[in-house]
Amino acid sequence: MSKKNSNTSVIPADKQSVLSSVVLPGIAIASSFALKRLFDIGYQKVRKQDPPKTLRHNDHNITHVILWTVATSALAGMVKLMATDIMQKKIEE
């Protein structure tokens, strides 16, 4: 039988590792859901209709659907990066 190496634990050894591997992805996911909901509400207020959900959405042409998708994805990505960066700085302090 082989002897297990005690240095190869699944549980991270320090607080910063735990926070980085659990908290930061959680914040990124939560900010994505919150931002998506905010975008949908804003779109409904401005356009008085639901935002496009698929390429075959009957109320919008393909250009509109693609522009909406690109704009919301880019903004959501930037917010996730900023949230992760802010939390990473707080963890390192």
N, C-alpha and C. Protein backbone atom coordinates (compact mmCIF):
# COMPACT_ATOMS: atom_id res chain seq x y z
N MET A 1 0.83 -1.18 0.00
CA MET A 1 0.00 0.00 0.00
C MET A 1 0.87 1.24 0.00
N SER A 2 0.42 2.24 -0.73
CA SER A 2 1.20 3.47 -0.79
C SER A 2 0.78 4.41 0.32
N LYS A 3 1.74 5.16 0.79
CA LYS A 3 1.49 6.11 1.86
C LYS A 3 1.07 7.45 1.25
N LYS A 4 -0.03 8.04 1.76
CA LYS A 4 -0.51 9.32 1.23
C LYS A 4 0.38 10.45 1.72
N ASN A 5 0.62 11.39 0.82
CA ASN A 5 1.40 12.56 1.16
C ASN A 5 0.49 13.56 1.87
N SER A 6 0.85 13.99 3.05
CA SER A 6 0.01 14.90 3.83
C SER A 6 -0.03 16.30 3.24
N ASN A 7 0.86 16.64 2.33
CA ASN A 7 0.89 17.97 1.73
C ASN A 7 -0.13 18.14 0.61
N THR A 8 -0.73 17.07 0.15
CA THR A 8 -1.68 17.16 -0.96
C THR A 8 -3.11 17.08 -0.45
N SER A 9 -3.48 18.01 0.40
CA SER A 9 -4.83 18.07 0.95
C SER A 9 -5.77 18.76 -0.02
N VAL A 10 -7.01 18.33 -0.02
CA VAL A 10 -8.03 18.95 -0.86
C VAL A 10 -8.44 20.30 -0.29
N ILE A 11 -8.36 20.45 1.02
CA ILE A 11 -8.75 21.68 1.69
C ILE A 11 -7.57 22.64 1.68
N PRO A 12 -7.80 23.87 1.19
CA PRO A 12 -6.71 24.85 1.17
C PRO A 12 -6.23 25.16 2.59
N ALA A 13 -4.96 25.47 2.71
CA ALA A 13 -4.36 25.66 4.02
C ALA A 13 -4.64 27.02 4.63
N ASP A 14 -4.75 28.04 3.83
CA ASP A 14 -4.92 29.37 4.41
C ASP A 14 -6.25 30.01 4.03
N LYS A 15 -6.61 31.03 4.77
CA LYS A 15 -7.88 31.73 4.59
C LYS A 15 -7.99 32.36 3.21
N GLN A 16 -6.91 32.93 2.73
CA GLN A 16 -6.93 33.60 1.43
C GLN A 16 -7.26 32.62 0.31
N SER A 17 -6.72 31.42 0.36
CA SER A 17 -7.02 30.41 -0.66
C SER A 17 -8.48 30.03 -0.65
N VAL A 18 -9.01 29.85 0.54
CA VAL A 18 -10.43 29.49 0.67
C VAL A 18 -11.30 30.59 0.10
N LEU A 19 -11.02 31.82 0.51
CA LEU A 19 -11.82 32.94 0.02
C LEU A 19 -11.69 33.10 -1.49
N SER A 20 -10.49 32.95 -2.00
CA SER A 20 -10.28 33.11 -3.44
C SER A 20 -10.97 32.03 -4.25
N SER A 21 -11.01 30.81 -3.72
CA SER A 21 -11.59 29.72 -4.50
C SER A 21 -13.09 29.56 -4.31
N VAL A 22 -13.67 30.15 -3.26
CA VAL A 22 -15.09 29.99 -3.00
C VAL A 22 -15.84 31.31 -3.13
N VAL A 23 -15.35 32.34 -2.47
CA VAL A 23 -16.07 33.61 -2.41
C VAL A 23 -16.05 34.34 -3.75
N LEU A 24 -14.91 34.44 -4.38
CA LEU A 24 -14.83 35.20 -5.62
C LEU A 24 -15.71 34.63 -6.74
N PRO A 25 -15.69 33.32 -6.99
CA PRO A 25 -16.62 32.81 -8.00
C PRO A 25 -18.09 33.02 -7.61
N GLY A 26 -18.39 32.92 -6.33
CA GLY A 26 -19.76 33.17 -5.87
C GLY A 26 -20.20 34.59 -6.14
N ILE A 27 -19.31 35.53 -5.89
CA ILE A 27 -19.62 36.94 -6.15
C ILE A 27 -19.80 37.17 -7.64
N ALA A 28 -18.97 36.56 -8.45
CA ALA A 28 -19.10 36.72 -9.89
C ALA A 28 -20.44 36.18 -10.39
N ILE A 29 -20.84 35.04 -9.89
CA ILE A 29 -22.12 34.44 -10.30
C ILE A 29 -23.29 35.30 -9.83
N ALA A 30 -23.24 35.74 -8.58
CA ALA A 30 -24.33 36.57 -8.04
C ALA A 30 -24.44 37.89 -8.79
N SER A 31 -23.31 38.49 -9.12
CA SER A 31 -23.37 39.76 -9.85
C SER A 31 -23.92 39.56 -11.25
N SER A 32 -23.64 38.42 -11.85
CA SER A 32 -24.19 38.13 -13.19
C SER A 32 -25.71 38.04 -13.15
N PHE A 33 -26.24 37.31 -12.16
CA PHE A 33 -27.69 37.18 -12.05
C PHE A 33 -28.35 38.52 -11.76
N ALA A 34 -27.77 39.29 -10.85
CA ALA A 34 -28.34 40.59 -10.50
C ALA A 34 -28.30 41.54 -11.68
N LEU A 35 -27.19 41.53 -12.40
CA LEU A 35 -27.05 42.42 -13.55
C LEU A 35 -28.00 42.03 -14.67
N LYS A 36 -28.17 40.75 -14.90
CA LYS A 36 -29.11 40.27 -15.93
C LYS A 36 -30.52 40.75 -15.61
N ARG A 37 -30.90 40.63 -14.36
CA ARG A 37 -32.24 41.08 -13.94
C ARG A 37 -32.37 42.60 -14.12
N LEU A 38 -31.33 43.33 -13.77
CA LEU A 38 -31.34 44.79 -13.92
C LEU A 38 -31.46 45.17 -15.39
N PHE A 39 -30.73 44.50 -16.28
CA PHE A 39 -30.82 44.76 -17.71
C PHE A 39 -32.23 44.50 -18.23
N ASP A 40 -32.82 43.38 -17.81
CA ASP A 40 -34.17 43.04 -18.27
C ASP A 40 -35.19 44.08 -17.82
N ILE A 41 -35.09 44.51 -16.57
CA ILE A 41 -36.03 45.53 -16.05
C ILE A 41 -35.84 46.85 -16.79
N GLY A 42 -34.59 47.25 -17.00
CA GLY A 42 -34.32 48.48 -17.75
C GLY A 42 -34.85 48.43 -19.17
N TYR A 43 -34.66 47.31 -19.82
CA TYR A 43 -35.15 47.14 -21.19
C TYR A 43 -36.67 47.24 -21.22
N GLN A 44 -37.33 46.60 -20.27
CA GLN A 44 -38.80 46.64 -20.22
C GLN A 44 -39.31 48.05 -19.97
N LYS A 45 -38.61 48.82 -19.13
CA LYS A 45 -39.03 50.20 -18.85
C LYS A 45 -38.87 51.09 -20.08
N VAL A 46 -37.77 50.93 -20.78
CA VAL A 46 -37.48 51.79 -21.93
C VAL A 46 -38.29 51.39 -23.15
N ARG A 47 -38.30 50.11 -23.48
CA ARG A 47 -38.93 49.64 -24.73
C ARG A 47 -40.38 49.20 -24.56
N LYS A 48 -40.86 49.08 -23.33
CA LYS A 48 -42.23 48.63 -23.04
C LYS A 48 -42.52 47.23 -23.59
N GLN A 49 -41.49 46.40 -23.64
CA GLN A 49 -41.64 45.00 -24.05
C GLN A 49 -40.49 44.19 -23.46
N ASP A 50 -40.63 42.89 -23.52
CA ASP A 50 -39.59 42.02 -22.99
C ASP A 50 -38.35 42.06 -23.88
N PRO A 51 -37.16 41.92 -23.27
CA PRO A 51 -35.94 41.88 -24.08
C PRO A 51 -35.89 40.59 -24.90
N PRO A 52 -35.14 40.60 -25.98
CA PRO A 52 -35.03 39.39 -26.80
C PRO A 52 -34.36 38.26 -26.02
N LYS A 53 -34.94 37.09 -26.12
CA LYS A 53 -34.41 35.91 -25.43
C LYS A 53 -33.75 34.93 -26.39
N THR A 54 -34.20 34.93 -27.65
CA THR A 54 -33.66 34.00 -28.64
C THR A 54 -33.48 34.74 -29.97
N LEU A 55 -32.76 34.11 -30.87
CA LEU A 55 -32.58 34.70 -32.21
C LEU A 55 -33.89 34.72 -33.00
N ARG A 56 -34.81 33.87 -32.64
CA ARG A 56 -36.08 33.78 -33.37
C ARG A 56 -37.19 34.56 -32.67
N HIS A 57 -36.83 35.53 -31.85
CA HIS A 57 -37.80 36.36 -31.15
C HIS A 57 -38.60 37.13 -32.20
N ASN A 58 -39.90 37.04 -32.16
CA ASN A 58 -40.76 37.60 -33.21
C ASN A 58 -40.79 39.12 -33.27
N ASP A 59 -40.57 39.79 -32.13
CA ASP A 59 -40.69 41.24 -32.10
C ASP A 59 -39.44 41.99 -32.53
N HIS A 60 -38.32 41.28 -32.74
CA HIS A 60 -37.05 41.94 -33.03
C HIS A 60 -36.38 41.28 -34.23
N ASN A 61 -35.60 42.10 -34.96
CA ASN A 61 -34.83 41.52 -36.05
C ASN A 61 -33.50 40.99 -35.51
N ILE A 62 -32.78 40.29 -36.33
CA ILE A 62 -31.54 39.63 -35.92
C ILE A 62 -30.52 40.65 -35.43
N THR A 63 -30.41 41.78 -36.07
CA THR A 63 -29.45 42.81 -35.69
C THR A 63 -29.72 43.29 -34.26
N HIS A 64 -30.98 43.53 -33.95
CA HIS A 64 -31.35 43.99 -32.62
C HIS A 64 -30.99 42.94 -31.56
N VAL A 65 -31.28 41.70 -31.84
CA VAL A 65 -31.00 40.61 -30.89
C VAL A 65 -29.49 40.49 -30.67
N ILE A 66 -28.72 40.55 -31.74
CA ILE A 66 -27.26 40.42 -31.62
C ILE A 66 -26.68 41.61 -30.85
N LEU A 67 -27.12 42.82 -31.16
CA LEU A 67 -26.62 43.99 -30.44
C LEU A 67 -26.96 43.93 -28.95
N TRP A 68 -28.18 43.50 -28.62
CA TRP A 68 -28.58 43.37 -27.22
C TRP A 68 -27.69 42.34 -26.51
N THR A 69 -27.45 41.23 -27.16
CA THR A 69 -26.63 40.17 -26.57
C THR A 69 -25.20 40.63 -26.34
N VAL A 70 -24.61 41.29 -27.33
CA VAL A 70 -23.23 41.75 -27.21
C VAL A 70 -23.11 42.82 -26.12
N ALA A 71 -24.04 43.77 -26.11
CA ALA A 71 -23.99 44.85 -25.12
C ALA A 71 -24.13 44.32 -23.70
N THR A 72 -25.11 43.48 -23.47
CA THR A 72 -25.32 42.97 -22.11
C THR A 72 -24.19 42.04 -21.68
N SER A 73 -23.67 41.26 -22.59
CA SER A 73 -22.56 40.36 -22.25
C SER A 73 -21.30 41.14 -21.90
N ALA A 74 -21.01 42.18 -22.67
CA ALA A 74 -19.82 42.99 -22.40
C ALA A 74 -19.94 43.69 -21.05
N LEU A 75 -21.08 44.29 -20.77
CA LEU A 75 -21.27 44.97 -19.50
C LEU A 75 -21.23 43.99 -18.33
N ALA A 76 -21.85 42.85 -18.48
CA ALA A 76 -21.84 41.84 -17.42
C ALA A 76 -20.42 41.35 -17.17
N GLY A 77 -19.66 41.15 -18.21
CA GLY A 77 -18.27 40.72 -18.06
C GLY A 77 -17.43 41.75 -17.33
N MET A 78 -17.62 43.02 -17.66
CA MET A 78 -16.87 44.08 -16.98
C MET A 78 -17.24 44.16 -15.50
N VAL A 79 -18.52 44.03 -15.18
CA VAL A 79 -18.94 44.08 -13.78
C VAL A 79 -18.38 42.90 -13.01
N LYS A 80 -18.38 41.72 -13.61
CA LYS A 80 -17.82 40.55 -12.93
C LYS A 80 -16.32 40.75 -12.66
N LEU A 81 -15.60 41.30 -13.62
CA LEU A 81 -14.18 41.56 -13.43
C LEU A 81 -13.96 42.57 -12.31
N MET A 82 -14.75 43.64 -12.30
CA MET A 82 -14.60 44.66 -11.27
C MET A 82 -14.94 44.09 -9.89
N ALA A 83 -16.01 43.31 -9.79
CA ALA A 83 -16.40 42.73 -8.51
C ALA A 83 -15.32 41.78 -8.01
N THR A 84 -14.79 40.97 -8.88
CA THR A 84 -13.73 40.04 -8.50
C THR A 84 -12.48 40.79 -8.06
N ASP A 85 -12.13 41.85 -8.80
CA ASP A 85 -10.94 42.65 -8.46
C ASP A 85 -11.11 43.33 -7.10
N ILE A 86 -12.26 43.91 -6.86
CA ILE A 86 -12.53 44.58 -5.57
C ILE A 86 -12.42 43.60 -4.43
N MET A 87 -13.06 42.43 -4.59
CA MET A 87 -13.02 41.45 -3.50
C MET A 87 -11.63 40.88 -3.31
N GLN A 88 -10.89 40.71 -4.37
CA GLN A 88 -9.52 40.20 -4.26
C GLN A 88 -8.66 41.18 -3.46
N LYS A 89 -8.83 42.47 -3.71
CA LYS A 89 -8.09 43.48 -2.95
C LYS A 89 -8.48 43.45 -1.48
N LYS A 90 -9.76 43.26 -1.19
CA LYS A 90 -10.22 43.21 0.21
C LYS A 90 -9.67 41.97 0.91
N ILE A 91 -9.60 40.86 0.20
CA ILE A 91 -9.08 39.63 0.78
C ILE A 91 -7.60 39.77 1.11
N GLU A 92 -6.85 40.44 0.22
CA GLU A 92 -5.41 40.58 0.42
C GLU A 92 -5.06 41.54 1.55
N GLU A 93 -5.99 42.39 1.94
CA GLU A 93 -5.71 43.37 3.00
C GLU A 93 -5.60 42.73 4.34
